């Protein structure tokens, strides 16, 4: 397989297809096979996973081309509503208004397919002595009522906040489940991707950020979360599956209607053993 960037869109082309795509005649007049195109757009959290799925699927299905772009869950859902993508990748559930728009425009209920599990991780600089944090402490930090690390047992230093833009599903999930739908502190520096949050925290000894567990690196530390029973738990598979990790969530595919043809084949593969093995390889957790 080879990767070609076209206007920011990752297009996966099967190396075995030497000339073009679509219907037509080859050098000897034979018909070339029709190539199905499946478009996916949305969640930045899911973009690495979606790219890996598309590449692995394309290796075994030369007649199907999968195109993946990010931009955030809200961007993907808007594209689904507007009819410009086949699949919206989302790290949050669609809301009632978005579902109603699909129903009104297409006369069908949106199709929601959980495809992987994730725990939103809390990132701090590797030098930060803090190892665990509660949802209440996290709420205080991002609401702006806790502004110094000494407020939660850390050093006497101002906390620097990093977060995602409001089109992000991770932003929406964090706002609902940590801030109880309240506002982020005005000092929060919003970044367009999870990788940007990780990079910022890695360079800022007083920084804190949040994002998908799969984006963890040796340059940052992921804090354990203090659960309702007082236990400090990591965003690992067992804790995410059981719900012991407070910020566990599903990752979704959304479609305007029930999948058929190449799209159904692709989704069936994603939900099958091979596709779910890719989930684990990328750093998230299988849905089944």
Protein backbone atom coordinates (compact mmCIF):
# COMPACT_ATOMS: atom_id res chain seq x y z
CA UNK A 1 0.00 0.00 0.00
CA UNK A 2 1.09 3.59 -0.47
CA UNK A 3 -0.27 6.81 1.01
CA UNK A 4 -1.01 9.89 -1.05
CA UNK A 5 -2.11 13.20 0.44
CA UNK A 6 -4.69 15.09 -1.62
CA UNK A 7 -5.85 18.37 -0.12
CA UNK A 8 -5.27 17.00 3.38
CA UNK A 9 -7.16 13.78 2.67
CA UNK A 10 -5.40 10.50 3.19
CA UNK A 11 -6.12 8.34 0.15
CA UNK A 12 -5.07 4.72 0.39
CA UNK A 13 -4.26 3.21 -2.98
CA UNK A 14 -3.70 -0.49 -3.53
CA UNK A 15 -0.22 -0.99 -4.99
CA UNK A 16 -1.55 -3.78 -7.20
CA UNK A 17 -3.73 -1.35 -9.17
CA UNK A 18 -1.31 -0.01 -11.72
CA UNK A 19 -3.60 2.19 -13.82
CA UNK A 20 -6.37 4.49 -12.53
CA UNK A 21 -9.58 3.30 -10.95
CA UNK A 22 -13.21 2.80 -11.92
CA UNK A 23 -14.62 1.09 -14.98
CA UNK A 24 -12.76 1.04 -18.28
CA UNK A 25 -10.63 -1.12 -20.51
CA UNK A 26 -7.07 -2.29 -19.93
CA UNK A 27 -4.30 -2.55 -22.50
CA UNK A 28 -5.78 -5.73 -23.95
CA UNK A 29 -9.34 -4.42 -23.97
CA UNK A 30 -10.36 -6.25 -20.78
CA UNK A 31 -12.69 -4.55 -18.32
CA UNK A 32 -10.99 -3.18 -15.22
CA UNK A 33 -12.84 -3.88 -11.98
CA UNK A 34 -15.04 -1.15 -10.50
CA UNK A 35 -13.52 0.39 -7.36
CA UNK A 36 -15.81 1.37 -4.53
CA UNK A 37 -14.91 4.53 -2.59
CA UNK A 38 -15.78 4.88 1.09
CA UNK A 39 -15.27 8.25 2.79
CA UNK A 40 -14.75 8.69 6.54
CA UNK A 41 -14.51 12.06 8.29
CA UNK A 42 -14.47 13.29 11.84
CA UNK A 43 -12.89 12.51 15.17
CA UNK A 44 -9.26 13.47 15.62
CA UNK A 45 -9.07 10.88 18.40
CA UNK A 46 -10.00 8.21 15.86
CA UNK A 47 -7.97 9.38 12.87
CA UNK A 48 -4.94 7.14 13.52
CA UNK A 49 -7.25 4.19 14.10
CA UNK A 50 -9.32 4.92 10.99
CA UNK A 51 -6.16 5.23 8.89
CA UNK A 52 -4.89 1.89 10.19
CA UNK A 53 -8.25 0.23 9.47
CA UNK A 54 -8.35 1.69 5.97
CA UNK A 55 -4.85 0.52 5.16
CA UNK A 56 -5.28 -3.02 6.48
CA UNK A 57 -8.68 -3.38 4.81
CA UNK A 58 -7.30 -2.07 1.52
CA UNK A 59 -4.50 -4.62 1.55
CA UNK A 60 -7.09 -7.38 1.29
CA UNK A 61 -9.69 -5.54 -0.79
CA UNK A 62 -7.97 -3.99 -3.79
CA UNK A 63 -11.28 -2.95 -5.34
CA UNK A 64 -12.20 -0.69 -2.40
CA UNK A 65 -10.62 2.69 -1.68
CA UNK A 66 -11.07 4.15 1.80
CA UNK A 67 -10.46 7.87 2.30
CA UNK A 68 -9.94 9.22 5.83
CA UNK A 69 -9.91 12.82 7.08
CA UNK A 70 -10.03 14.28 10.59
CA UNK A 71 -11.26 17.68 11.70
CA UNK A 72 -13.15 16.68 14.85
CA UNK A 73 -16.32 14.75 15.64
CA UNK A 74 -18.55 17.77 15.04
CA UNK A 75 -17.01 18.30 11.61
CA UNK A 76 -17.60 14.67 10.68
CA UNK A 77 -21.20 14.72 11.88
CA UNK A 78 -21.86 17.93 9.93
CA UNK A 79 -20.42 16.26 6.82
CA UNK A 80 -22.72 13.29 7.39
CA UNK A 81 -25.74 15.59 7.66
CA UNK A 82 -24.65 17.47 4.53
CA UNK A 83 -24.14 14.26 2.57
CA UNK A 84 -20.41 14.75 1.99
CA UNK A 85 -19.14 11.69 3.86
CA UNK A 86 -20.31 8.08 4.06
CA UNK A 87 -19.19 7.54 7.65
CA UNK A 88 -18.79 10.07 10.46
CA UNK A 89 -16.17 9.10 13.02
CA UNK A 90 -17.16 10.40 16.45
CA UNK A 91 -15.69 10.18 19.93
CA UNK A 92 -19.01 11.30 21.44
CA UNK A 93 -22.63 10.30 20.88
CA UNK A 94 -24.66 12.32 18.38
CA UNK A 95 -27.07 14.68 20.10
CA UNK A 96 -30.83 14.83 19.57
CA UNK A 97 -30.67 17.85 17.29
CA UNK A 98 -28.15 16.18 14.98
CA UNK A 99 -30.22 13.01 14.87
CA UNK A 100 -33.32 15.04 14.02
CA UNK A 101 -31.51 16.74 11.15
CA UNK A 102 -30.69 13.36 9.64
CA UNK A 103 -34.28 12.23 10.07
CA UNK A 104 -35.72 15.36 8.47
CA UNK A 105 -33.28 15.45 5.56
CA UNK A 106 -33.09 11.76 4.68
CA UNK A 107 -36.24 10.26 6.16
CA UNK A 108 -34.30 7.69 8.18
CA UNK A 109 -32.92 7.31 11.67
CA UNK A 110 -29.17 7.67 12.04
CA UNK A 111 -27.26 4.40 12.41
CA UNK A 112 -24.94 4.34 15.43
CA UNK A 113 -22.21 1.69 15.53
CA UNK A 114 -19.79 1.52 18.50
CA UNK A 115 -16.45 0.37 17.05
CA UNK A 116 -13.92 0.73 19.90
CA UNK A 117 -13.52 1.75 23.53
CA UNK A 118 -11.32 4.50 24.95
CA UNK A 119 -10.53 6.23 28.20
CA UNK A 120 -9.89 9.98 28.10
CA UNK A 121 -6.45 10.32 29.65
CA UNK A 122 -5.23 13.29 31.69
CA UNK A 123 -1.75 14.34 30.56
CA UNK A 124 0.86 16.17 32.65
CA UNK A 125 4.54 16.80 32.07
CA UNK A 126 6.79 13.85 32.85
CA UNK A 127 8.48 15.89 35.60
CA UNK A 128 5.21 16.60 37.45
CA UNK A 129 5.15 14.80 40.85
CA UNK A 130 1.33 14.44 40.80
CA UNK A 131 0.29 10.83 40.06
CA UNK A 132 -3.50 10.85 40.52
CA UNK A 133 -6.38 13.29 40.31
CA UNK A 134 -10.11 13.21 41.04
CA UNK A 135 -12.89 14.40 38.74
CA UNK A 136 -13.66 17.14 41.27
CA UNK A 137 -10.05 18.38 41.22
CA UNK A 138 -10.00 18.22 37.44
CA UNK A 139 -13.24 20.21 37.31
CA UNK A 140 -11.74 22.86 39.57
CA UNK A 141 -8.65 23.13 37.38
CA UNK A 142 -10.50 23.47 34.08
CA UNK A 143 -13.20 25.71 35.55
CA UNK A 144 -10.48 28.04 36.81
CA UNK A 145 -11.09 27.71 40.57
CA UNK A 146 -7.85 25.77 41.14
CA UNK A 147 -5.02 27.67 39.49
CA UNK A 148 -1.92 26.44 41.30
CA UNK A 149 -0.54 22.91 41.46
CA UNK A 150 -0.11 23.24 45.25
CA UNK A 151 -3.92 23.22 45.43
CA UNK A 152 -3.86 19.48 44.74
CA UNK A 153 -0.59 18.64 46.49
CA UNK A 154 1.84 19.63 43.76
CA UNK A 155 4.53 22.32 43.46
CA UNK A 156 3.90 26.04 43.92
CA UNK A 157 3.41 26.81 40.24
CA UNK A 158 0.60 28.15 38.06
CA UNK A 159 -1.29 25.43 36.18
CA UNK A 160 -1.22 25.92 32.41
CA UNK A 161 -4.35 24.54 30.72
CA UNK A 162 -4.43 22.89 27.30
CA UNK A 163 -7.55 21.51 25.64
CA UNK A 164 -9.34 20.80 22.38
CA UNK A 165 -11.38 23.06 20.12
CA UNK A 166 -15.17 23.00 20.43
CA UNK A 167 -15.68 20.88 17.28
CA UNK A 168 -13.93 18.01 19.08
CA UNK A 169 -15.91 15.11 20.50
CA UNK A 170 -13.32 14.84 23.27
CA UNK A 171 -13.99 18.49 24.15
CA UNK A 172 -17.75 17.80 24.27
CA UNK A 173 -17.33 14.65 26.37
CA UNK A 174 -14.98 16.43 28.80
CA UNK A 175 -17.32 19.44 29.08
CA UNK A 176 -20.27 17.20 29.91
CA UNK A 177 -18.64 14.62 32.18
CA UNK A 178 -16.00 16.74 33.94
CA UNK A 179 -17.38 20.30 33.87
CA UNK A 180 -21.04 19.22 34.15
CA UNK A 181 -21.68 21.28 30.99
CA UNK A 182 -20.09 24.36 32.56
CA UNK A 183 -17.60 26.63 30.84
CA UNK A 184 -13.88 26.07 30.47
CA UNK A 185 -11.61 28.63 32.12
CA UNK A 186 -10.77 31.49 29.76
CA UNK A 187 -7.08 30.66 30.18
CA UNK A 188 -7.49 27.28 28.47
CA UNK A 189 -5.35 27.14 25.33
CA UNK A 190 -7.28 25.20 22.68
CA UNK A 191 -5.41 23.15 20.10
CA UNK A 192 -6.71 21.54 16.89
CA UNK A 193 -5.57 17.99 17.62
CA UNK A 194 -4.72 15.60 20.43
CA UNK A 195 -1.14 15.32 19.22
CA UNK A 196 -0.85 19.09 19.67
CA UNK A 197 -2.06 18.82 23.27
CA UNK A 198 0.48 16.07 23.99
CA UNK A 199 3.32 18.09 22.43
CA UNK A 200 2.37 21.20 24.41
CA UNK A 201 2.27 19.35 27.74
CA UNK A 202 5.55 17.59 26.94
CA UNK A 203 7.24 20.98 26.61
CA UNK A 204 5.52 22.67 29.59
CA UNK A 205 6.46 21.40 33.05
CA UNK A 206 3.35 23.10 34.49
CA UNK A 207 0.96 22.03 31.74
CA UNK A 208 -2.08 19.75 31.87
CA UNK A 209 -4.14 18.39 28.99
CA UNK A 210 -6.56 15.64 28.04
CA UNK A 211 -7.15 13.28 25.12
CA UNK A 212 -7.28 9.69 23.91
CA UNK A 213 -5.31 7.10 25.85
CA UNK A 214 -3.60 5.91 22.67
CA UNK A 215 -1.76 9.24 22.32
CA UNK A 216 0.32 8.66 25.46
CA UNK A 217 4.10 8.90 25.15
CA UNK A 218 7.24 8.75 27.27
CA UNK A 219 7.43 12.56 27.17
CA UNK A 220 4.28 12.93 29.27
CA UNK A 221 2.65 11.18 32.21
CA UNK A 222 -0.95 9.98 32.25
CA UNK A 223 -2.53 10.49 35.65
CA UNK A 224 -4.57 7.85 37.38
CA UNK A 225 -8.14 8.92 38.10
CA UNK A 226 -9.58 8.61 41.60
CA UNK A 227 -12.86 6.71 41.26
CA UNK A 228 -16.00 7.02 43.40
CA UNK A 229 -14.72 4.36 45.82
CA UNK A 230 -11.48 6.27 46.35
CA UNK A 231 -9.30 3.98 44.26
CA UNK A 232 -6.78 5.51 41.85
CA UNK A 233 -7.24 3.69 38.53
CA UNK A 234 -5.39 3.82 35.22
CA UNK A 235 -7.12 4.20 31.82
CA UNK A 236 -6.36 0.56 31.02
CA UNK A 237 -8.61 -1.94 29.28
CA UNK A 238 -10.04 -3.64 32.36
CA UNK A 239 -10.91 -0.33 34.04
CA UNK A 240 -12.39 1.15 30.85
CA UNK A 241 -14.51 -1.95 30.22
CA UNK A 242 -15.80 -2.16 33.79
CA UNK A 243 -16.47 1.57 34.04
CA UNK A 244 -14.12 1.86 37.01
CA UNK A 245 -12.22 4.52 35.07
CA UNK A 246 -14.45 7.61 35.34
CA UNK A 247 -13.78 8.92 31.82
CA UNK A 248 -14.41 5.74 29.83
CA UNK A 249 -16.28 6.10 26.52
CA UNK A 250 -17.16 4.40 23.25
CA UNK A 251 -15.92 5.50 19.83
CA UNK A 252 -18.51 5.46 17.02
CA UNK A 253 -19.24 5.19 13.33
CA UNK A 254 -22.39 7.08 12.28
CA UNK A 255 -24.24 6.54 8.98
CA UNK A 256 -27.34 8.06 7.42
CA UNK A 257 -28.83 4.62 6.73
CA UNK A 258 -28.08 0.93 7.15
CA UNK A 259 -24.79 0.08 5.41
CA UNK A 260 -24.81 -1.95 2.20
CA UNK A 261 -22.33 -3.16 -0.38
CA UNK A 262 -18.68 -2.24 0.13
CA UNK A 263 -19.51 -0.07 3.15
CA UNK A 264 -21.15 -3.01 4.92
CA UNK A 265 -18.20 -5.24 4.05
CA UNK A 266 -15.83 -2.65 5.53
CA UNK A 267 -17.82 -2.19 8.74
CA UNK A 268 -18.26 -5.94 9.19
CA UNK A 269 -14.48 -6.27 8.85
CA UNK A 270 -13.87 -3.46 11.37
CA UNK A 271 -16.13 -5.22 13.90
CA UNK A 272 -14.61 -8.62 13.16
CA UNK A 273 -11.45 -10.19 14.62
CA UNK A 274 -9.02 -8.52 12.21
CA UNK A 275 -10.46 -5.03 12.59
CA UNK A 276 -10.67 -5.31 16.37
CA UNK A 277 -7.06 -6.53 16.47
CA UNK A 278 -6.12 -3.25 14.80
CA UNK A 279 -7.92 -1.38 17.62
CA UNK A 280 -5.58 -2.97 20.14
CA UNK A 281 -2.51 -2.38 17.95
CA UNK A 282 -3.26 1.36 17.75
CA UNK A 283 -3.72 1.60 21.54
CA UNK A 284 -7.49 1.58 22.08
CA UNK A 285 -9.65 -1.30 23.28
CA UNK A 286 -11.87 -3.69 21.27
CA UNK A 287 -15.61 -3.11 21.48
CA UNK A 288 -16.29 -6.82 21.92
